Amino acid sequence: MARLSKNFTSEEFACKCGCGYDTPEPELVRMLQATRDLYGKPIRITSGCRCIKHNAVSGGTPNSAHIYGKAVDIATPTGADRYLLIKALLASGFDRIGINFKARFIHADIDDSKPHPTIFSY
């Protein structure tokens, strides 16, 4: 487990299949730390890096930003949490944000190959 920033470790970004892929893009970590500083409370990453196999099993799109270490999904148990987190993400420079109301998480990525700026739901 490597410390990536003040509040984040590689373990938090690790692919859930156990393959060892746990290296997000440094810019993603920098922006996420800025978000954490503004948000003022812990951020729980539910999905970070994903190998191609785990991405397919988890229902990710074939060209998901998670495959490239450019995306995170963050747990948001309440509407107030979602509001505060989105506010902090935008202030930290994220311009691709997805909201999954059913699973209660926010997706944030820095994949410039995808449409941005945008906020989408799924």
N, C-alpha and C. Protein backbone atom coordinates (compact mmCIF):
# COMPACT_ATOMS: atom_id res chain seq x y z
N MET A 1 0.86 -1.18 0.00
CA MET A 1 0.00 0.00 0.00
C MET A 1 0.90 1.24 0.00
N ALA A 2 0.71 2.08 -0.99
CA ALA A 2 1.48 3.32 -1.10
C ALA A 2 0.58 4.52 -0.82
N ARG A 3 1.12 5.48 -0.10
CA ARG A 3 0.41 6.73 0.14
C ARG A 3 0.53 7.57 -1.12
N LEU A 4 -0.62 7.96 -1.68
CA LEU A 4 -0.66 8.74 -2.91
C LEU A 4 -0.83 10.23 -2.65
N SER A 5 -1.45 10.56 -1.51
CA SER A 5 -1.65 11.95 -1.12
C SER A 5 -1.91 11.95 0.38
N LYS A 6 -2.20 13.11 0.92
CA LYS A 6 -2.47 13.25 2.35
C LYS A 6 -3.56 12.28 2.83
N ASN A 7 -4.61 12.11 2.06
CA ASN A 7 -5.75 11.31 2.49
C ASN A 7 -6.02 10.04 1.70
N PHE A 8 -5.22 9.74 0.68
CA PHE A 8 -5.51 8.59 -0.17
C PHE A 8 -4.32 7.66 -0.32
N THR A 9 -4.63 6.36 -0.37
CA THR A 9 -3.62 5.33 -0.58
C THR A 9 -3.95 4.54 -1.85
N SER A 10 -2.96 3.83 -2.36
CA SER A 10 -3.18 3.02 -3.55
C SER A 10 -4.23 1.94 -3.29
N GLU A 11 -4.31 1.46 -2.06
CA GLU A 11 -5.28 0.42 -1.70
C GLU A 11 -6.72 0.85 -1.99
N GLU A 12 -7.02 2.14 -1.79
CA GLU A 12 -8.37 2.64 -2.02
C GLU A 12 -8.75 2.63 -3.50
N PHE A 13 -7.75 2.69 -4.38
CA PHE A 13 -7.98 2.72 -5.82
C PHE A 13 -7.87 1.34 -6.46
N ALA A 14 -7.45 0.33 -5.69
CA ALA A 14 -7.14 -1.00 -6.22
C ALA A 14 -8.34 -1.67 -6.89
N CYS A 15 -8.06 -2.32 -8.01
CA CYS A 15 -9.08 -3.10 -8.71
C CYS A 15 -9.64 -4.14 -7.76
N LYS A 16 -10.94 -4.27 -7.75
CA LYS A 16 -11.63 -5.17 -6.81
C LYS A 16 -11.40 -6.65 -7.10
N CYS A 17 -10.84 -7.01 -8.25
CA CYS A 17 -10.63 -8.43 -8.56
C CYS A 17 -9.36 -8.97 -7.90
N GLY A 18 -8.53 -8.09 -7.38
CA GLY A 18 -7.30 -8.54 -6.73
C GLY A 18 -6.11 -8.67 -7.66
N CYS A 19 -6.21 -8.18 -8.87
CA CYS A 19 -5.13 -8.30 -9.86
C CYS A 19 -3.90 -7.46 -9.54
N GLY A 20 -4.07 -6.47 -8.65
CA GLY A 20 -2.95 -5.61 -8.28
C GLY A 20 -2.92 -4.25 -8.96
N TYR A 21 -3.84 -4.02 -9.89
CA TYR A 21 -3.88 -2.70 -10.55
C TYR A 21 -4.39 -1.67 -9.56
N ASP A 22 -3.48 -0.78 -9.12
CA ASP A 22 -3.83 0.20 -8.09
C ASP A 22 -3.13 1.55 -8.31
N THR A 23 -2.88 1.89 -9.58
CA THR A 23 -2.12 3.09 -9.87
C THR A 23 -2.93 4.08 -10.70
N PRO A 24 -3.67 4.96 -10.03
CA PRO A 24 -4.44 5.97 -10.77
C PRO A 24 -3.51 7.06 -11.32
N GLU A 25 -4.02 7.80 -12.27
CA GLU A 25 -3.27 8.94 -12.81
C GLU A 25 -2.99 9.95 -11.69
N PRO A 26 -1.77 10.47 -11.60
CA PRO A 26 -1.44 11.44 -10.55
C PRO A 26 -2.37 12.66 -10.55
N GLU A 27 -2.80 13.11 -11.72
CA GLU A 27 -3.70 14.27 -11.79
C GLU A 27 -5.05 13.96 -11.14
N LEU A 28 -5.53 12.74 -11.31
CA LEU A 28 -6.78 12.34 -10.67
C LEU A 28 -6.63 12.40 -9.15
N VAL A 29 -5.53 11.89 -8.64
CA VAL A 29 -5.28 11.91 -7.20
C VAL A 29 -5.17 13.35 -6.70
N ARG A 30 -4.44 14.20 -7.43
CA ARG A 30 -4.29 15.60 -7.03
C ARG A 30 -5.65 16.29 -6.93
N MET A 31 -6.48 16.09 -7.94
CA MET A 31 -7.79 16.73 -7.96
C MET A 31 -8.71 16.15 -6.89
N LEU A 32 -8.60 14.85 -6.67
CA LEU A 32 -9.42 14.22 -5.64
C LEU A 32 -9.01 14.69 -4.25
N GLN A 33 -7.71 14.91 -4.03
CA GLN A 33 -7.26 15.44 -2.74
C GLN A 33 -7.78 16.87 -2.55
N ALA A 34 -7.75 17.67 -3.60
CA ALA A 34 -8.31 19.02 -3.52
C ALA A 34 -9.80 18.95 -3.18
N THR A 35 -10.50 17.99 -3.78
CA THR A 35 -11.92 17.79 -3.49
C THR A 35 -12.11 17.43 -2.02
N ARG A 36 -11.31 16.51 -1.53
CA ARG A 36 -11.39 16.07 -0.12
C ARG A 36 -11.15 17.24 0.82
N ASP A 37 -10.19 18.09 0.50
CA ASP A 37 -9.89 19.26 1.34
C ASP A 37 -11.08 20.21 1.41
N LEU A 38 -11.74 20.42 0.28
CA LEU A 38 -12.92 21.29 0.24
C LEU A 38 -14.14 20.64 0.89
N TYR A 39 -14.32 19.36 0.65
CA TYR A 39 -15.46 18.60 1.17
C TYR A 39 -15.41 18.54 2.70
N GLY A 40 -14.21 18.42 3.24
CA GLY A 40 -14.03 18.49 4.69
C GLY A 40 -14.33 17.23 5.48
N LYS A 41 -14.55 16.13 4.76
CA LYS A 41 -14.76 14.86 5.46
C LYS A 41 -14.30 13.73 4.56
N PRO A 42 -14.14 12.52 5.12
CA PRO A 42 -13.61 11.41 4.31
C PRO A 42 -14.43 11.13 3.06
N ILE A 43 -13.73 10.68 2.04
CA ILE A 43 -14.33 10.25 0.78
C ILE A 43 -14.09 8.76 0.67
N ARG A 44 -15.17 7.99 0.45
CA ARG A 44 -15.03 6.54 0.31
C ARG A 44 -15.15 6.17 -1.17
N ILE A 45 -14.03 5.70 -1.72
CA ILE A 45 -13.99 5.29 -3.12
C ILE A 45 -14.57 3.88 -3.22
N THR A 46 -15.62 3.73 -4.02
CA THR A 46 -16.21 2.40 -4.20
C THR A 46 -15.65 1.70 -5.42
N SER A 47 -15.08 2.45 -6.35
CA SER A 47 -14.43 1.87 -7.52
C SER A 47 -13.41 2.87 -8.04
N GLY A 48 -12.19 2.41 -8.24
CA GLY A 48 -11.14 3.25 -8.79
C GLY A 48 -10.60 2.62 -10.05
N CYS A 49 -9.40 2.06 -9.97
CA CYS A 49 -8.79 1.38 -11.11
C CYS A 49 -9.50 0.06 -11.36
N ARG A 50 -9.67 -0.25 -12.64
CA ARG A 50 -10.27 -1.54 -13.02
C ARG A 50 -9.48 -2.14 -14.18
N CYS A 51 -9.13 -3.40 -14.03
CA CYS A 51 -8.54 -4.10 -15.17
C CYS A 51 -9.68 -4.33 -16.19
N ILE A 52 -9.32 -4.68 -17.40
CA ILE A 52 -10.32 -4.87 -18.45
C ILE A 52 -11.32 -5.95 -18.06
N LYS A 53 -10.82 -7.04 -17.48
CA LYS A 53 -11.70 -8.15 -17.10
C LYS A 53 -12.70 -7.72 -16.02
N HIS A 54 -12.21 -7.07 -14.97
CA HIS A 54 -13.12 -6.66 -13.89
C HIS A 54 -14.08 -5.58 -14.38
N ASN A 55 -13.62 -4.71 -15.26
CA ASN A 55 -14.50 -3.69 -15.81
C ASN A 55 -15.69 -4.32 -16.51
N ALA A 56 -15.43 -5.37 -17.29
CA ALA A 56 -16.51 -6.06 -18.00
C ALA A 56 -17.46 -6.74 -17.02
N VAL A 57 -16.91 -7.39 -16.02
CA VAL A 57 -17.73 -8.10 -15.02
C VAL A 57 -18.59 -7.11 -14.22
N SER A 58 -18.05 -5.93 -13.96
CA SER A 58 -18.78 -4.96 -13.14
C SER A 58 -19.77 -4.11 -13.95
N GLY A 59 -19.85 -4.36 -15.24
CA GLY A 59 -20.82 -3.64 -16.07
C GLY A 59 -20.32 -2.32 -16.62
N GLY A 60 -19.01 -2.09 -16.54
CA GLY A 60 -18.44 -0.85 -17.07
C GLY A 60 -18.47 -0.82 -18.59
N THR A 61 -18.44 0.36 -19.15
CA THR A 61 -18.40 0.49 -20.61
C THR A 61 -17.03 0.01 -21.11
N PRO A 62 -16.97 -0.50 -22.34
CA PRO A 62 -15.71 -1.06 -22.85
C PRO A 62 -14.53 -0.08 -22.83
N ASN A 63 -14.79 1.20 -22.93
CA ASN A 63 -13.72 2.20 -22.94
C ASN A 63 -13.77 3.05 -21.67
N SER A 64 -14.13 2.45 -20.55
CA SER A 64 -14.29 3.16 -19.29
C SER A 64 -13.01 3.88 -18.86
N ALA A 65 -13.17 5.06 -18.32
CA ALA A 65 -12.03 5.80 -17.77
C ALA A 65 -11.39 5.07 -16.60
N HIS A 66 -12.12 4.19 -15.94
CA HIS A 66 -11.57 3.40 -14.84
C HIS A 66 -10.41 2.52 -15.32
N ILE A 67 -10.48 2.02 -16.56
CA ILE A 67 -9.44 1.15 -17.12
C ILE A 67 -8.11 1.89 -17.20
N TYR A 68 -8.16 3.18 -17.40
CA TYR A 68 -6.96 3.99 -17.58
C TYR A 68 -6.52 4.71 -16.31
N GLY A 69 -7.17 4.41 -15.19
CA GLY A 69 -6.81 5.07 -13.93
C GLY A 69 -7.21 6.53 -13.89
N LYS A 70 -8.27 6.86 -14.64
CA LYS A 70 -8.70 8.25 -14.74
C LYS A 70 -10.06 8.51 -14.13
N ALA A 71 -10.59 7.54 -13.34
CA ALA A 71 -11.94 7.70 -12.80
C ALA A 71 -12.07 7.09 -11.41
N VAL A 72 -13.00 7.65 -10.67
CA VAL A 72 -13.38 7.09 -9.36
C VAL A 72 -14.89 7.16 -9.22
N ASP A 73 -15.42 6.22 -8.45
CA ASP A 73 -16.80 6.28 -8.01
C ASP A 73 -16.73 6.49 -6.50
N ILE A 74 -17.53 7.42 -6.01
CA ILE A 74 -17.49 7.83 -4.60
C ILE A 74 -18.86 7.64 -3.98
N ALA A 75 -18.89 6.95 -2.85
CA ALA A 75 -20.15 6.71 -2.13
C ALA A 75 -20.75 8.03 -1.66
N THR A 76 -22.07 8.16 -1.87
CA THR A 76 -22.81 9.33 -1.39
C THR A 76 -24.14 8.85 -0.82
N PRO A 77 -24.17 8.58 0.48
CA PRO A 77 -25.37 8.00 1.08
C PRO A 77 -26.60 8.93 1.14
N THR A 78 -26.39 10.23 1.10
CA THR A 78 -27.53 11.15 1.20
C THR A 78 -27.48 12.21 0.11
N GLY A 79 -28.61 12.85 -0.11
CA GLY A 79 -28.68 13.95 -1.06
C GLY A 79 -27.78 15.11 -0.66
N ALA A 80 -27.68 15.38 0.63
CA ALA A 80 -26.81 16.45 1.11
C ALA A 80 -25.35 16.12 0.79
N ASP A 81 -24.96 14.85 0.98
CA ASP A 81 -23.60 14.44 0.62
C ASP A 81 -23.35 14.63 -0.87
N ARG A 82 -24.31 14.23 -1.71
CA ARG A 82 -24.16 14.40 -3.15
C ARG A 82 -23.97 15.86 -3.51
N TYR A 83 -24.78 16.73 -2.94
CA TYR A 83 -24.69 18.15 -3.24
C TYR A 83 -23.30 18.70 -2.86
N LEU A 84 -22.87 18.44 -1.64
CA LEU A 84 -21.59 18.96 -1.16
C LEU A 84 -20.42 18.38 -1.95
N LEU A 85 -20.51 17.10 -2.30
CA LEU A 85 -19.43 16.48 -3.06
C LEU A 85 -19.36 17.05 -4.47
N ILE A 86 -20.49 17.19 -5.14
CA ILE A 86 -20.48 17.76 -6.48
C ILE A 86 -19.94 19.19 -6.45
N LYS A 87 -20.33 19.94 -5.47
CA LYS A 87 -19.83 21.31 -5.33
C LYS A 87 -18.30 21.31 -5.20
N ALA A 88 -17.76 20.41 -4.38
CA ALA A 88 -16.31 20.32 -4.19
C ALA A 88 -15.61 19.79 -5.44
N LEU A 89 -16.21 18.81 -6.12
CA LEU A 89 -15.62 18.29 -7.35
C LEU A 89 -15.50 19.38 -8.41
N LEU A 90 -16.56 20.15 -8.60
CA LEU A 90 -16.53 21.23 -9.59
C LEU A 90 -15.48 22.28 -9.22
N ALA A 91 -15.41 22.64 -7.96
CA ALA A 91 -14.43 23.64 -7.51
C ALA A 91 -12.99 23.13 -7.66
N SER A 92 -12.82 21.81 -7.68
CA SER A 92 -11.49 21.22 -7.81
C SER A 92 -11.09 20.98 -9.26
N GLY A 93 -11.98 21.31 -10.19
CA GLY A 93 -11.64 21.23 -11.61
C GLY A 93 -12.22 20.04 -12.36
N PHE A 94 -12.96 19.16 -11.69
CA PHE A 94 -13.59 18.05 -12.40
C PHE A 94 -14.67 18.61 -13.32
N ASP A 95 -14.69 18.16 -14.58
CA ASP A 95 -15.74 18.62 -15.49
C ASP A 95 -16.45 17.45 -16.19
N ARG A 96 -16.28 16.23 -15.63
CA ARG A 96 -17.05 15.05 -16.06
C ARG A 96 -17.51 14.36 -14.79
N ILE A 97 -18.79 14.50 -14.51
CA ILE A 97 -19.36 13.95 -13.28
C ILE A 97 -20.62 13.17 -13.63
N GLY A 98 -20.71 11.97 -13.09
CA GLY A 98 -21.89 11.15 -13.29
C GLY A 98 -22.56 10.89 -11.95
N ILE A 99 -23.87 10.85 -11.97
CA ILE A 99 -24.63 10.60 -10.74
C ILE A 99 -25.41 9.31 -10.92
N ASN A 100 -25.18 8.38 -10.01
CA ASN A 100 -25.94 7.13 -10.01
C ASN A 100 -26.80 7.15 -8.75
N PHE A 101 -28.06 7.52 -8.92
CA PHE A 101 -28.96 7.65 -7.77
C PHE A 101 -29.30 6.30 -7.15
N LYS A 102 -29.47 5.27 -7.99
CA LYS A 102 -29.86 3.96 -7.49
C LYS A 102 -28.78 3.35 -6.60
N ALA A 103 -27.53 3.39 -7.05
CA ALA A 103 -26.44 2.81 -6.29
C ALA A 103 -25.80 3.82 -5.31
N ARG A 104 -26.27 5.04 -5.35
CA ARG A 104 -25.82 6.09 -4.44
C ARG A 104 -24.32 6.36 -4.50
N PHE A 105 -23.86 6.66 -5.72
CA PHE A 105 -22.48 7.09 -5.85
C PHE A 105 -22.36 8.16 -6.92
N ILE A 106 -21.24 8.87 -6.85
CA ILE A 106 -20.87 9.88 -7.84
C ILE A 106 -19.65 9.37 -8.58
N HIS A 107 -19.68 9.44 -9.88
CA HIS A 107 -18.54 9.11 -10.74
C HIS A 107 -17.87 10.42 -11.11
N ALA A 108 -16.55 10.48 -11.00
CA ALA A 108 -15.79 11.65 -11.44
C ALA A 108 -14.61 11.15 -12.25
N ASP A 109 -14.37 11.77 -13.41
CA ASP A 109 -13.21 11.34 -14.19
C ASP A 109 -12.54 12.52 -14.88
N ILE A 110 -11.33 12.25 -15.36
CA ILE A 110 -10.52 13.26 -16.04
C ILE A 110 -10.18 12.79 -17.45
N ASP A 111 -11.05 12.00 -18.05
CA ASP A 111 -10.81 11.44 -19.38
C ASP A 111 -11.20 12.45 -20.45
N ASP A 112 -10.19 13.14 -20.99
CA ASP A 112 -10.43 14.17 -22.00
C ASP A 112 -10.91 13.61 -23.34
N SER A 113 -10.86 12.28 -23.52
CA SER A 113 -11.33 11.70 -24.78
C SER A 113 -12.86 11.57 -24.79
N LYS A 114 -13.47 11.85 -23.66
CA LYS A 114 -14.93 11.75 -23.55
C LYS A 114 -15.54 13.17 -23.48
N PRO A 115 -16.84 13.28 -23.82
CA PRO A 115 -17.46 14.61 -23.80
C PRO A 115 -17.33 15.30 -22.44
N HIS A 116 -16.94 16.54 -22.48
CA HIS A 116 -16.85 17.36 -21.27
C HIS A 116 -16.90 18.82 -21.67
N PRO A 117 -17.35 19.70 -20.84
CA PRO A 117 -17.90 19.50 -19.51
C PRO A 117 -19.31 18.88 -19.58
N THR A 118 -19.58 18.03 -18.61
CA THR A 118 -20.90 17.40 -18.54
C THR A 118 -21.17 16.83 -17.17
N ILE A 119 -22.42 16.80 -16.81
CA ILE A 119 -22.90 16.06 -15.65
C ILE A 119 -23.99 15.14 -16.19
N PHE A 120 -23.82 13.85 -15.98
CA PHE A 120 -24.77 12.88 -16.51
C PHE A 120 -25.29 11.98 -15.40
N SER A 121 -26.39 11.31 -15.67
CA SER A 121 -26.92 10.35 -14.70
C SER A 121 -27.05 9.00 -15.39
N TYR A 122 -27.01 7.97 -14.58
CA TYR A 122 -27.14 6.61 -15.12
C TYR A 122 -27.52 5.66 -14.00
